[in-house]
Amino acid sequence: MTPTRRAVLAGSAASVAALSGVAGSVRSHPPPSVPATVSGTPDARLGFVGDVMLGRNVDDRWSSRSTSSAGVWGSTLDSLRALDGLFVNLECCLSARGERRPDRTYYFRADPSWAVPALDAAGTAFASLANNHLLDYGPVALLDTVDHLDRAGIANAGAGEDRTAAFRPTVATAGDIDVGVVALTDQSWSYRAGSDSPGTAWTRLRTGDRSARRRVEDALAAVHRHDPDLVVASLHWGPNWEVRPSDSQRRFAHWLIDRGVDVVHGHSAHVIQGVEVYRGRPIVYDAGDYVDDYLVKSELHNDRSVRAELGIVDGRLDRLHIAPVEIVDERVERATGDVAAWVRERVRTLSAEFGTTVERDGRGVSIPLDQ
């Protein structure tokens, strides 16, 4: 069978070598144009969500052979399939093997026999593996995860067999657009990849750290050498339960865009944070949790979050549509009524602190990118 274009870009050894074998700096990269554009005049809609945790109770429910694995997406499935590509943080390993690492509180692992088809059913174009759960069941489960995603043609980055592989960017195809992605995390230092040991792309995500800047600049140089239409930085960063990004996160997000990143896709806090528009490009500081079985903190409503959809019109980054969702019984559902109203108000209030214009858009809101 002829491999799909997405599979070729995500899994081709030649493509990977071209992406990873570049060292140097992107300081000479031209300043980002405003408004932000991609090559040609394509129309596309790309979806960005936070944690997709398919382990524990989620795995118990949807691994049943009598139930369609696509049910995990609940009433959002049609919206996901209408996208040109979905970008997620995969907050678990996909494996039936491995042993628990000692001294951890939570362990997240999903059976790939249902989880991979579920990700594929949602049109997942990219899965970030740079987070604090990919090594929960050791190196064998981490490497299984990469292998299962590669075989499915789902682009992935942020973890690998060694430090070079973990920091290797990838290119995902979404409709007619090639999206270069760099995936990084500042969570779980002990899960970092070594020079000859599997792990994640851990680094300090601060502009004040010279070694971190150089490491990130090398990754950006590598992805720009592939000349993608759009560049995304997928970041698993910052402490849990914080509803606002730190000043250092804001500086780092701006620094990334100044060096050629078009979308900053943040996750890790388990709650929604605000959206900022910088040089015509969206910074989603934290998209919250899309599906999981986590304990709900009533004062934070971490079971309520968003799907951020980037609209590209005639080759121009036009606006970010924010669709409210909620987690119900180990699946994700469209939020309606009071829940949708709460999400709208949370996004509007937190984004207004950055001077962001937020407009009502059906059940959700939208953010014009020509601000």
Foldseek 3Di string as FASTA:
>chain_A
DDDDPLLCQQAPPVNLCLLLVFADFLPVPDFAAPQHFFPFFDWFKEKEFEEDFCFDLNQVPQVDPVHQLLCQAPACQVVLVPGLAYEYAHQAFADPDAAFDPDDDDATYHDLVRPVVNCVSSRHQEYEDQDDHLQRRHDVRNAVRSVSCSVSSRHYEFWDQAQSRRQGWTWTDGPPFIEIEGEEEQPDPVQHGHHGGIGGRHDDLFPVDVVRNSSVRRSLVSSVSVVTRAYEYEYQYDAAPDQEDDPRLVVSVQVVSRSGHQEYRYAHRQAFHEWAADSLGIYRNHQHHQFDDDDADVVGLSQKGWIWMFIRGGRGRFKIWTFIWGYDSRHIGGDDDPSLVVHQVSHVVRHVVNVWDWADDVSHIMTTSND
